[in-house]
Amino acid sequence: MAEAVKIAEPGELPPGGRKLVEVDGRALALFRIDDDYYAIDDVCTHDGGPLAEGDLSGCIIECPRHGGEFDVRTGEAVRFPAVEPVPTHAVEVRGDGVYVRIED
C-alpha cells in the first residue's frame, strides 16, 4: 500500500476550493466539496488540459480547453468530448492536514 502524503493544511481550502499539488512528480487537483475532499489527476483524458484551472460547479469540474466534464468524486467523464474517466486518489483528513494516497 502506498504511503499517504500530506498535501494541504487543516482548513486551507474553503468549501468549493481547489488546489494544484504535485506528489512524486504527478500533478493532482485537490477539491473540497462541502466537508469532503477529492483528488484526481490534473490532466484531462481528452486533450491533457489542466483540470485544476477549470470551472467547478457542485462536484463537476470542466476542462478549460474543450469543455469536457468530470465528476471529481468518481473521476467519471460526464460530458463530451471527454469519454475516459480521470484517475482518482484516496484522500484522508487527519487532525494535522489532508493526505493523499496514490496507488499504481
PDB file of N, CA and C in Angstrom:
ATOM      1  N   MET A   1       0.844  -1.180   0.000  1.00  0.00           N
ATOM      2  CA  MET A   1       0.000   0.000   0.000  1.00  0.00           C
ATOM      3  C   MET A   1       0.889   1.242   0.000  1.00  0.00           C
ATOM      4  N   ALA A   2       0.534   2.232  -0.791  1.00  0.00           N
ATOM      5  CA  ALA A   2       1.314   3.461  -0.885  1.00  0.00           C
ATOM      6  C   ALA A   2       1.194   4.283   0.393  1.00  0.00           C
ATOM      7  N   GLU A   3       2.243   5.014   0.675  1.00  0.00           N
ATOM      8  CA  GLU A   3       2.259   5.878   1.859  1.00  0.00           C
ATOM      9  C   GLU A   3       1.439   7.139   1.606  1.00  0.00           C
ATOM     10  N   ALA A   4       0.690   7.580   2.605  1.00  0.00           N
ATOM     11  CA  ALA A   4      -0.087   8.816   2.494  1.00  0.00           C
ATOM     12  C   ALA A   4       0.857  10.011   2.576  1.00  0.00           C
ATOM     13  N   VAL A   5       0.605  11.010   1.731  1.00  0.00           N
ATOM     14  CA  VAL A   5       1.433  12.212   1.657  1.00  0.00           C
ATOM     15  C   VAL A   5       0.565  13.425   1.992  1.00  0.00           C
ATOM     16  N   LYS A   6       1.055  14.273   2.872  1.00  0.00           N
ATOM     17  CA  LYS A   6       0.310  15.487   3.248  1.00  0.00           C
ATOM     18  C   LYS A   6       0.335  16.477   2.089  1.00  0.00           C
ATOM     19  N   ILE A   7      -0.865  16.970   1.713  1.00  0.00           N
ATOM     20  CA  ILE A   7      -0.957  17.888   0.579  1.00  0.00           C
ATOM     21  C   ILE A   7      -1.650  19.202   0.912  1.00  0.00           C
ATOM     22  N   ALA A   8      -2.221  19.324   2.102  1.00  0.00           N
ATOM     23  CA  ALA A   8      -2.869  20.581   2.492  1.00  0.00           C
ATOM     24  C   ALA A   8      -2.941  20.663   4.012  1.00  0.00           C
ATOM     25  N   GLU A   9      -2.975  21.881   4.493  1.00  0.00           N
ATOM     26  CA  GLU A   9      -3.123  22.146   5.927  1.00  0.00           C
ATOM     27  C   GLU A   9      -4.603  22.086   6.310  1.00  0.00           C
ATOM     28  N   PRO A  10      -4.906  21.851   7.588  1.00  0.00           N
ATOM     29  CA  PRO A  10      -6.308  21.857   8.019  1.00  0.00           C
ATOM     30  C   PRO A  10      -6.943  23.220   7.717  1.00  0.00           C
ATOM     31  N   GLY A  11      -8.109  23.212   7.118  1.00  0.00           N
ATOM     32  CA  GLY A  11      -8.822  24.453   6.843  1.00  0.00           C
ATOM     33  C   GLY A  11      -8.246  25.297   5.723  1.00  0.00           C
ATOM     34  N   GLU A  12      -7.231  24.806   5.028  1.00  0.00           N
ATOM     35  CA  GLU A  12      -6.608  25.586   3.950  1.00  0.00           C
ATOM     36  C   GLU A  12      -7.567  25.852   2.797  1.00  0.00           C
ATOM     37  N   LEU A  13      -8.379  24.861   2.460  1.00  0.00           N
ATOM     38  CA  LEU A  13      -9.328  25.015   1.356  1.00  0.00           C
ATOM     39  C   LEU A  13     -10.726  25.287   1.894  1.00  0.00           C
ATOM     40  N   PRO A  14     -11.364  26.344   1.426  1.00  0.00           N
ATOM     41  CA  PRO A  14     -12.761  26.567   1.805  1.00  0.00           C
ATOM     42  C   PRO A  14     -13.653  25.617   1.003  1.00  0.00           C
ATOM     43  N   PRO A  15     -14.897  25.402   1.409  1.00  0.00           N
ATOM     44  CA  PRO A  15     -15.809  24.607   0.585  1.00  0.00           C
ATOM     45  C   PRO A  15     -15.867  25.192  -0.829  1.00  0.00           C
ATOM     46  N   GLY A  16     -15.769  24.329  -1.824  1.00  0.00           N
ATOM     47  CA  GLY A  16     -15.728  24.764  -3.220  1.00  0.00           C
ATOM     48  C   GLY A  16     -14.336  25.123  -3.692  1.00  0.00           C
ATOM     49  N   GLY A  17     -13.351  25.018  -2.800  1.00  0.00           N
ATOM     50  CA  GLY A  17     -11.980  25.366  -3.157  1.00  0.00           C
ATOM     51  C   GLY A  17     -11.255  24.232  -3.850  1.00  0.00           C
ATOM     52  N   ARG A  18     -10.131  24.598  -4.472  1.00  0.00           N
ATOM     53  CA  ARG A  18      -9.300  23.610  -5.131  1.00  0.00           C
ATOM     54  C   ARG A  18      -7.856  24.020  -5.013  1.00  0.00           C
ATOM     55  N   LYS A  19      -6.977  23.058  -5.209  1.00  0.00           N
ATOM     56  CA  LYS A  19      -5.543  23.306  -5.088  1.00  0.00           C
ATOM     57  C   LYS A  19      -4.815  22.344  -6.014  1.00  0.00           C
ATOM     58  N   LEU A  20      -3.842  22.862  -6.745  1.00  0.00           N
ATOM     59  CA  LEU A  20      -2.968  22.037  -7.563  1.00  0.00           C
ATOM     60  C   LEU A  20      -1.803  21.599  -6.695  1.00  0.00           C
ATOM     61  N   VAL A  21      -1.533  20.306  -6.647  1.00  0.00           N
ATOM     62  CA  VAL A  21      -0.422  19.771  -5.859  1.00  0.00           C
ATOM     63  C   VAL A  21       0.369  18.802  -6.725  1.00  0.00           C
ATOM     64  N   GLU A  22       1.608  18.550  -6.313  1.00  0.00           N
ATOM     65  CA  GLU A  22       2.434  17.565  -7.005  1.00  0.00           C
ATOM     66  C   GLU A  22       2.902  16.533  -5.993  1.00  0.00           C
ATOM     67  N   VAL A  23       2.715  15.275  -6.332  1.00  0.00           N
ATOM     68  CA  VAL A  23       3.143  14.171  -5.481  1.00  0.00           C
ATOM     69  C   VAL A  23       3.968  13.221  -6.341  1.00  0.00           C
ATOM     70  N   ASP A  24       5.222  13.061  -5.990  1.00  0.00           N
ATOM     71  CA  ASP A  24       6.128  12.176  -6.740  1.00  0.00           C
ATOM     72  C   ASP A  24       6.111  12.480  -8.233  1.00  0.00           C
ATOM     73  N   GLY A  25       6.132  13.768  -8.580  1.00  0.00           N
ATOM     74  CA  GLY A  25       6.167  14.182  -9.975  1.00  0.00           C
ATOM     75  C   GLY A  25       4.838  14.098 -10.696  1.00  0.00           C
ATOM     76  N   ARG A  26       3.785  13.787  -9.998  1.00  0.00           N
ATOM     77  CA  ARG A  26       2.452  13.648 -10.591  1.00  0.00           C
ATOM     78  C   ARG A  26       1.587  14.821 -10.154  1.00  0.00           C
ATOM     79  N   ALA A  27       1.016  15.549 -11.119  1.00  0.00           N
ATOM     80  CA  ALA A  27       0.147  16.689 -10.821  1.00  0.00           C
ATOM     81  C   ALA A  27      -1.248  16.191 -10.449  1.00  0.00           C
ATOM     82  N   LEU A  28      -1.728  16.662  -9.294  1.00  0.00           N
ATOM     83  CA  LEU A  28      -3.058  16.299  -8.810  1.00  0.00           C
ATOM     84  C   LEU A  28      -3.870  17.553  -8.554  1.00  0.00           C
ATOM     85  N   ALA A  29      -5.172  17.449  -8.757  1.00  0.00           N
ATOM     86  CA  ALA A  29      -6.095  18.518  -8.406  1.00  0.00           C
ATOM     87  C   ALA A  29      -6.861  18.061  -7.168  1.00  0.00           C
ATOM     88  N   LEU A  30      -6.753  18.844  -6.096  1.00  0.00           N
ATOM     89  CA  LEU A  30      -7.461  18.558  -4.847  1.00  0.00           C
ATOM     90  C   LEU A  30      -8.665  19.477  -4.763  1.00  0.00           C
ATOM     91  N   PHE A  31      -9.833  18.914  -4.476  1.00  0.00           N
ATOM     92  CA  PHE A  31     -11.069  19.683  -4.374  1.00  0.00           C
ATOM     93  C   PHE A  31     -11.706  19.461  -3.014  1.00  0.00           C
ATOM     94  N   ARG A  32     -12.339  20.519  -2.491  1.00  0.00           N
ATOM     95  CA  ARG A  32     -13.155  20.373  -1.287  1.00  0.00           C
ATOM     96  C   ARG A  32     -14.599  20.652  -1.673  1.00  0.00           C
ATOM     97  N   ILE A  33     -15.437  19.642  -1.502  1.00  0.00           N
ATOM     98  CA  ILE A  33     -16.872  19.753  -1.767  1.00  0.00           C
ATOM     99  C   ILE A  33     -17.560  19.599  -0.414  1.00  0.00           C
ATOM    100  N   ASP A  34     -18.156  20.685   0.081  1.00  0.00           N
ATOM    101  CA  ASP A  34     -18.707  20.719   1.436  1.00  0.00           C
ATOM    102  C   ASP A  34     -17.586  20.350   2.412  1.00  0.00           C
ATOM    103  N   ASP A  35     -17.736  19.266   3.167  1.00  0.00           N
ATOM    104  CA  ASP A  35     -16.694  18.860   4.114  1.00  0.00           C
ATOM    105  C   ASP A  35     -15.857  17.690   3.609  1.00  0.00           C
ATOM    106  N   ASP A  36     -16.030  17.312   2.356  1.00  0.00           N
ATOM    107  CA  ASP A  36     -15.300  16.173   1.789  1.00  0.00           C
ATOM    108  C   ASP A  36     -14.227  16.650   0.817  1.00  0.00           C
ATOM    109  N   TYR A  37     -13.148  15.881   0.735  1.00  0.00           N
ATOM    110  CA  TYR A  37     -12.027  16.197  -0.150  1.00  0.00           C
ATOM    111  C   TYR A  37     -11.882  15.093  -1.187  1.00  0.00           C
ATOM    112  N   TYR A  38     -11.508  15.495  -2.417  1.00  0.00           N
ATOM    113  CA  TYR A  38     -11.328  14.557  -3.518  1.00  0.00           C
ATOM    114  C   TYR A  38     -10.073  14.947  -4.284  1.00  0.00           C
ATOM    115  N   ALA A  39      -9.333  13.936  -4.751  1.00  0.00           N
ATOM    116  CA  ALA A  39      -8.129  14.185  -5.542  1.00  0.00           C
ATOM    117  C   ALA A  39      -8.218  13.396  -6.841  1.00  0.00           C
ATOM    118  N   ILE A  40      -7.927  14.094  -7.943  1.00  0.00           N
ATOM    119  CA  ILE A  40      -7.895  13.467  -9.264  1.00  0.00           C
ATOM    120  C   ILE A  40      -6.610  13.896  -9.956  1.00  0.00           C
ATOM    121  N   ASP A  41      -6.213  13.143 -10.978  1.00  0.00           N
ATOM    122  CA  ASP A  41      -5.097  13.596 -11.800  1.00  0.00           C
ATOM    123  C   ASP A  41      -5.486  14.930 -12.424  1.00  0.00           C
ATOM    124  N   ASP A  42      -4.531  15.835 -12.531  1.00  0.00           N
ATOM    125  CA  ASP A  42      -4.806  17.166 -13.079  1.00  0.00           C
ATOM    126  C   ASP A  42      -4.640  17.186 -14.595  1.00  0.00           C
ATOM    127  N   VAL A  43      -5.049  16.125 -15.255  1.00  0.00           N
ATOM    128  CA  VAL A  43      -4.875  16.019 -16.699  1.00  0.00           C
ATOM    129  C   VAL A  43      -6.160  15.481 -17.314  1.00  0.00           C
ATOM    130  N   CYS A  44      -6.792  16.287 -18.149  1.00  0.00           N
ATOM    131  CA  CYS A  44      -7.998  15.852 -18.853  1.00  0.00           C
ATOM    132  C   CYS A  44      -7.655  14.663 -19.747  1.00  0.00           C
ATOM    133  N   THR A  45      -8.486  13.639 -19.718  1.00  0.00           N
ATOM    134  CA  THR A  45      -8.234  12.455 -20.530  1.00  0.00           C
ATOM    135  C   THR A  45      -8.541  12.678 -22.006  1.00  0.00           C
ATOM    136  N   HIS A  46      -9.165  13.791 -22.349  1.00  0.00           N
ATOM    137  CA  HIS A  46      -9.443  14.092 -23.750  1.00  0.00           C
ATOM    138  C   HIS A  46      -8.241  14.733 -24.434  1.00  0.00           C
ATOM    139  N   ASP A  47      -7.689  15.802 -23.825  1.00  0.00           N
ATOM    140  CA  ASP A  47      -6.623  16.540 -24.507  1.00  0.00           C
ATOM    141  C   ASP A  47      -5.544  17.036 -23.553  1.00  0.00           C
ATOM    142  N   GLY A  48      -5.498  16.507 -22.340  1.00  0.00           N
ATOM    143  CA  GLY A  48      -4.424  16.870 -21.418  1.00  0.00           C
ATOM    144  C   GLY A  48      -4.571  18.212 -20.741  1.00  0.00           C
ATOM    145  N   GLY A  49      -5.743  18.818 -20.793  1.00  0.00           N
ATOM    146  CA  GLY A  49      -5.959  20.125 -20.169  1.00  0.00           C
ATOM    147  C   GLY A  49      -5.802  20.079 -18.656  1.00  0.00           C
ATOM    148  N   PRO A  50      -5.452  21.229 -18.047  1.00  0.00           N
ATOM    149  CA  PRO A  50      -5.247  21.313 -16.596  1.00  0.00           C
ATOM    150  C   PRO A  50      -6.579  21.445 -15.847  1.00  0.00           C
ATOM    151  N   LEU A  51      -7.057  20.368 -15.268  1.00  0.00           N
ATOM    152  CA  LEU A  51      -8.384  20.366 -14.649  1.00  0.00           C
ATOM    153  C   LEU A  51      -8.499  21.309 -13.461  1.00  0.00           C
ATOM    154  N   ALA A  52      -7.428  21.513 -12.710  1.00  0.00           N
ATOM    155  CA  ALA A  52      -7.489  22.422 -11.551  1.00  0.00           C
ATOM    156  C   ALA A  52      -7.808  23.854 -11.971  1.00  0.00           C
ATOM    157  N   GLU A  53      -7.599  24.179 -13.244  1.00  0.00           N
ATOM    158  CA  GLU A  53      -7.879  25.528 -13.746  1.00  0.00           C
ATOM    159  C   GLU A  53      -9.296  25.669 -14.294  1.00  0.00           C
ATOM    160  N   GLY A  54     -10.068  24.579 -14.301  1.00  0.00           N
ATOM    161  CA  GLY A  54     -11.408  24.618 -14.867  1.00  0.00           C
ATOM    162  C   GLY A  54     -12.440  25.183 -13.911  1.00  0.00           C
ATOM    163  N   ASP A  55     -13.650  25.354 -14.427  1.00  0.00           N
ATOM    164  CA  ASP A  55     -14.772  25.826 -13.614  1.00  0.00           C
ATOM    165  C   ASP A  55     -15.363  24.649 -12.849  1.00  0.00           C
ATOM    166  N   LEU A  56     -15.575  24.846 -11.540  1.00  0.00           N
ATOM    167  CA  LEU A  56     -16.166  23.821 -10.682  1.00  0.00           C
ATOM    168  C   LEU A  56     -17.606  24.210 -10.384  1.00  0.00           C
ATOM    169  N   SER A  57     -18.534  23.305 -10.686  1.00  0.00           N
ATOM    170  CA  SER A  57     -19.950  23.523 -10.404  1.00  0.00           C
ATOM    171  C   SER A  57     -20.445  22.318  -9.613  1.00  0.00           C
ATOM    172  N   GLY A  58     -20.656  22.511  -8.316  1.00  0.00           N
ATOM    173  CA  GLY A  58     -21.007  21.375  -7.462  1.00  0.00           C
ATOM    174  C   GLY A  58     -19.828  20.435  -7.390  1.00  0.00           C
ATOM    175  N   CYS A  59     -19.994  19.226  -7.896  1.00  0.00           N
ATOM    176  CA  CYS A  59     -18.901  18.249  -7.902  1.00  0.00           C
ATOM    177  C   CYS A  59     -18.398  17.967  -9.318  1.00  0.00           C
ATOM    178  N   ILE A  60     -18.734  18.840 -10.263  1.00  0.00           N
ATOM    179  CA  ILE A  60     -18.330  18.662 -11.656  1.00  0.00           C
ATOM    180  C   ILE A  60     -17.291  19.717 -12.027  1.00  0.00           C
ATOM    181  N   ILE A  61     -16.137  19.233 -12.531  1.00  0.00           N
ATOM    182  CA  ILE A  61     -15.084  20.134 -12.997  1.00  0.00           C
ATOM    183  C   ILE A  61     -15.083  20.125 -14.526  1.00  0.00           C
ATOM    184  N   GLU A  62     -15.007  21.320 -15.114  1.00  0.00           N
ATOM    185  CA  GLU A  62     -14.990  21.459 -16.566  1.00  0.00           C
ATOM    186  C   GLU A  62     -13.569  21.742 -17.019  1.00  0.00           C
ATOM    187  N   CYS A  63     -13.090  20.985 -17.987  1.00  0.00           N
ATOM    188  CA  CYS A  63     -11.763  21.228 -18.541  1.00  0.00           C
ATOM    189  C   CYS A  63     -11.774  22.567 -19.270  1.00  0.00           C
ATOM    190  N   PRO A  64     -10.780  23.434 -19.012  1.00  0.00           N
ATOM    191  CA  PRO A  64     -10.768  24.747 -19.647  1.00  0.00           C
ATOM    192  C   PRO A  64     -10.445  24.714 -21.141  1.00  0.00           C
ATOM    193  N   ARG A  65      -9.974  23.607 -21.660  1.00  0.00           N
ATOM    194  CA  ARG A  65      -9.618  23.552 -23.085  1.00  0.00           C
ATOM    195  C   ARG A  65     -10.817  23.349 -24.000  1.00  0.00           C
ATOM    196  N   HIS A  66     -11.562  22.259 -23.804  1.00  0.00           N
ATOM    197  CA  HIS A  66     -12.643  21.929 -24.730  1.00  0.00           C
ATOM    198  C   HIS A  66     -13.979  21.658 -24.053  1.00  0.00           C
ATOM    199  N   GLY A  67     -14.062  21.876 -22.734  1.00  0.00           N
ATOM    200  CA  GLY A  67     -15.342  21.767 -22.047  1.00  0.00           C
ATOM    201  C   GLY A  67     -15.753  20.380 -21.597  1.00  0.00           C
ATOM    202  N   GLY A  68     -14.874  19.390 -21.736  1.00  0.00           N
ATOM    203  CA  GLY A  68     -15.192  18.072 -21.182  1.00  0.00           C
ATOM    204  C   GLY A  68     -15.386  18.200 -19.677  1.00  0.00           C
ATOM    205  N   GLU A  69     -16.248  17.382 -19.107  1.00  0.00           N
ATOM    206  CA  GLU A  69     -16.529  17.484 -17.673  1.00  0.00           C
ATOM    207  C   GLU A  69     -16.337  16.144 -16.977  1.00  0.00           C
ATOM    208  N   PHE A  70     -15.917  16.246 -15.696  1.00  0.00           N
ATOM    209  CA  PHE A  70     -15.665  15.069 -14.872  1.00  0.00           C
ATOM    210  C   PHE A  70     -16.279  15.265 -13.495  1.00  0.00           C
ATOM    211  N   ASP A  71     -16.752  14.169 -12.914  1.00  0.00           N
ATOM    212  CA  ASP A  71     -17.217  14.171 -11.532  1.00  0.00           C
ATOM    213  C   ASP A  71     -15.983  13.968 -10.657  1.00  0.00           C
ATOM    214  N   VAL A  72     -15.642  14.946  -9.826  1.00  0.00           N
ATOM    215  CA  VAL A  72     -14.413  14.858  -9.028  1.00  0.00           C
ATOM    216  C   VAL A  72     -14.500  13.766  -7.967  1.00  0.00           C
ATOM    217  N   ARG A  73     -15.705  13.316  -7.629  1.00  0.00           N
ATOM    218  CA  ARG A  73     -15.861  12.255  -6.626  1.00  0.00           C
ATOM    219  C   ARG A  73     -15.488  10.884  -7.172  1.00  0.00           C
ATOM    220  N   THR A  74     -15.760  10.662  -8.457  1.00  0.00           N
ATOM    221  CA  THR A  74     -15.579   9.336  -9.056  1.00  0.00           C
ATOM    222  C   THR A  74     -14.590   9.312 -10.214  1.00  0.00           C
ATOM    223  N   GLY A  75     -14.292  10.481 -10.781  1.00  0.00           N
ATOM    224  CA  GLY A  75     -13.448  10.560 -11.967  1.00  0.00           C
ATOM    225  C   GLY A  75     -14.203  10.333 -13.261  1.00  0.00           C
ATOM    226  N   GLU A  76     -15.485   9.996 -13.164  1.00  0.00           N
ATOM    227  CA  GLU A  76     -16.287   9.685 -14.343  1.00  0.00           C
ATOM    228  C   GLU A  76     -16.355  10.872 -15.300  1.00  0.00           C
ATOM    229  N   ALA A  77     -16.161  10.594 -16.600  1.00  0.00           N
ATOM    230  CA  ALA A  77     -16.354  11.604 -17.639  1.00  0.00           C
ATOM    231  C   ALA A  77     -17.857  11.752 -17.844  1.00  0.00           C
ATOM    232  N   VAL A  78     -18.370  12.976 -17.686  1.00  0.00           N
ATOM    233  CA  VAL A  78     -19.821  13.174 -17.760  1.00  0.00           C
ATOM    234  C   VAL A  78     -20.251  14.053 -18.927  1.00  0.00           C
ATOM    235  N   ARG A  79     -19.284  14.625 -19.667  1.00  0.00           N
ATOM    236  CA  ARG A  79     -19.663  15.430 -20.840  1.00  0.00           C
ATOM    237  C   ARG A  79     -18.597  15.322 -21.912  1.00  0.00           C
ATOM    238  N   PHE A  80     -19.044  15.064 -23.124  1.00  0.00           N
ATOM    239  CA  PHE A  80     -18.195  15.015 -24.302  1.00  0.00           C
ATOM    240  C   PHE A  80     -17.509  16.371 -24.476  1.00  0.00           C
ATOM    241  N   PRO A  81     -16.277  16.434 -24.926  1.00  0.00           N
ATOM    242  CA  PRO A  81     -15.538  15.388 -25.613  1.00  0.00           C
ATOM    243  C   PRO A  81     -14.801  14.403 -24.706  1.00  0.00           C
ATOM    244  N   ALA A  82     -14.862  14.568 -23.408  1.00  0.00           N
ATOM    245  CA  ALA A  82     -14.220  13.600 -22.513  1.00  0.00           C
ATOM    246  C   ALA A  82     -15.076  12.337 -22.449  1.00  0.00           C
ATOM    247  N   VAL A  83     -14.454  11.183 -22.670  1.00  0.00           N
ATOM    248  CA  VAL A  83     -15.178   9.915 -22.584  1.00  0.00           C
ATOM    249  C   VAL A  83     -14.500   8.933 -21.628  1.00  0.00           C
ATOM    250  N   GLU A  84     -13.219   9.109 -21.376  1.00  0.00           N
ATOM    251  CA  GLU A  84     -12.481   8.242 -20.456  1.00  0.00           C
ATOM    252  C   GLU A  84     -12.438   8.889 -19.075  1.00  0.00           C
ATOM    253  N   PRO A  85     -12.605   8.112 -18.017  1.00  0.00           N
ATOM    254  CA  PRO A  85     -12.528   8.691 -16.669  1.00  0.00           C
ATOM    255  C   PRO A  85     -11.118   9.167 -16.346  1.00  0.00           C
ATOM    256  N   VAL A  86     -11.033  10.090 -15.417  1.00  0.00           N
ATOM    257  CA  VAL A  86      -9.744  10.575 -14.925  1.00  0.00           C
ATOM    258  C   VAL A  86      -9.433   9.796 -13.641  1.00  0.00           C
ATOM    259  N   PRO A  87      -8.165   9.414 -13.435  1.00  0.00           N
ATOM    260  CA  PRO A  87      -7.827   8.668 -12.217  1.00  0.00           C
ATOM    261  C   PRO A  87      -8.128   9.460 -10.942  1.00  0.00           C
ATOM    262  N   THR A  88      -8.644   8.764  -9.946  1.00  0.00           N
ATOM    263  CA  THR A  88      -8.931   9.348  -8.635  1.00  0.00           C
ATOM    264  C   THR A  88      -7.964   8.762  -7.610  1.00  0.00           C
ATOM    265  N   HIS A  89      -7.820   9.453  -6.487  1.00  0.00           N
ATOM    266  CA  HIS A  89      -6.885   9.024  -5.451  1.00  0.00           C
ATOM    267  C   HIS A  89      -7.533   9.166  -4.080  1.00  0.00           C
ATOM    268  N   ALA A  90      -7.237   8.219  -3.201  1.00  0.00           N
ATOM    269  CA  ALA A  90      -7.812   8.214  -1.856  1.00  0.00           C
ATOM    270  C   ALA A  90      -7.303   9.407  -1.057  1.00  0.00           C
ATOM    271  N   VAL A  91      -8.229  10.109  -0.409  1.00  0.00           N
ATOM    272  CA  VAL A  91      -7.897  11.276   0.415  1.00  0.00           C
ATOM    273  C   VAL A  91      -8.327  10.984   1.846  1.00  0.00           C
ATOM    274  N   GLU A  92      -7.484  11.376   2.775  1.00  0.00           N
ATOM    275  CA  GLU A  92      -7.760  11.173   4.197  1.00  0.00           C
ATOM    276  C   GLU A  92      -7.538  12.490   4.933  1.00  0.00           C
ATOM    277  N   VAL A  93      -8.509  12.889   5.740  1.00  0.00           N
ATOM    278  CA  VAL A  93      -8.373  14.096   6.553  1.00  0.00           C
ATOM    279  C   VAL A  93      -7.969  13.666   7.959  1.00  0.00           C
ATOM    280  N   ARG A  94      -6.858  14.219   8.411  1.00  0.00           N
ATOM    281  CA  ARG A  94      -6.364  13.952   9.766  1.00  0.00           C
ATOM    282  C   ARG A  94      -6.346  15.270  10.523  1.00  0.00           C
ATOM    283  N   GLY A  95      -6.091  15.219  11.804  1.00  0.00           N
ATOM    284  CA  GLY A  95      -6.050  16.432  12.612  1.00  0.00           C
ATOM    285  C   GLY A  95      -5.026  17.446  12.151  1.00  0.00           C
ATOM    286  N   ASP A  96      -3.938  16.971  11.542  1.00  0.00           N
ATOM    287  CA  ASP A  96      -2.875  17.886  11.126  1.00  0.00           C
ATOM    288  C   ASP A  96      -2.881  18.199   9.640  1.00  0.00           C
ATOM    289  N   GLY A  97      -3.880  17.731   8.882  1.00  0.00           N
ATOM    290  CA  GLY A  97      -3.917  18.075   7.472  1.00  0.00           C
ATOM    291  C   GLY A  97      -4.683  17.090   6.614  1.00  0.00           C
ATOM    292  N   VAL A  98      -4.560  17.310   5.304  1.00  0.00           N
ATOM    293  CA  VAL A  98      -5.217  16.491   4.292  1.00  0.00           C
ATOM    294  C   VAL A  98      -4.130  15.675   3.596  1.00  0.00           C
ATOM    295  N   TYR A  99      -4.361  14.378   3.483  1.00  0.00           N
ATOM    296  CA  TYR A  99      -3.379  13.460   2.918  1.00  0.00           C
ATOM    297  C   TYR A  99      -3.962  12.742   1.705  1.00  0.00           C
ATOM    298  N   VAL A 100      -3.087  12.406   0.762  1.00  0.00           N
ATOM    299  CA  VAL A 100      -3.497  11.628  -0.403  1.00  0.00           C
ATOM    300  C   VAL A 100      -2.632  10.380  -0.478  1.00  0.00           C
ATOM    301  N   ARG A 101      -3.218   9.347  -1.023  1.00  0.00           N
ATOM    302  CA  ARG A 101      -2.516   8.079  -1.221  1.00  0.00           C
ATOM    303  C   ARG A 101      -2.651   7.720  -2.704  1.00  0.00           C
ATOM    304  N   ILE A 102      -1.525   7.596  -3.391  1.00  0.00           N
ATOM    305  CA  ILE A 102      -1.532   7.253  -4.815  1.00  0.00           C
ATOM    306  C   ILE A 102      -1.190   5.779  -4.967  1.00  0.00           C
ATOM    307  N   GLU A 103      -2.111   5.040  -5.536  1.00  0.00           N
ATOM    308  CA  GLU A 103      -1.905   3.611  -5.812  1.00  0.00           C
ATOM    309  C   GLU A 103      -1.639   3.456  -7.304  1.00  0.00           C
ATOM    310  N   ASP A 104      -0.590   2.734  -7.636  1.00  0.00           N
ATOM    311  CA  ASP A 104      -0.306   2.489  -9.069  1.00  0.00           C
ATOM    312  C   ASP A 104      -0.658   1.093  -9.476  1.00  0.00           C
TER     313      ASP A 104
END
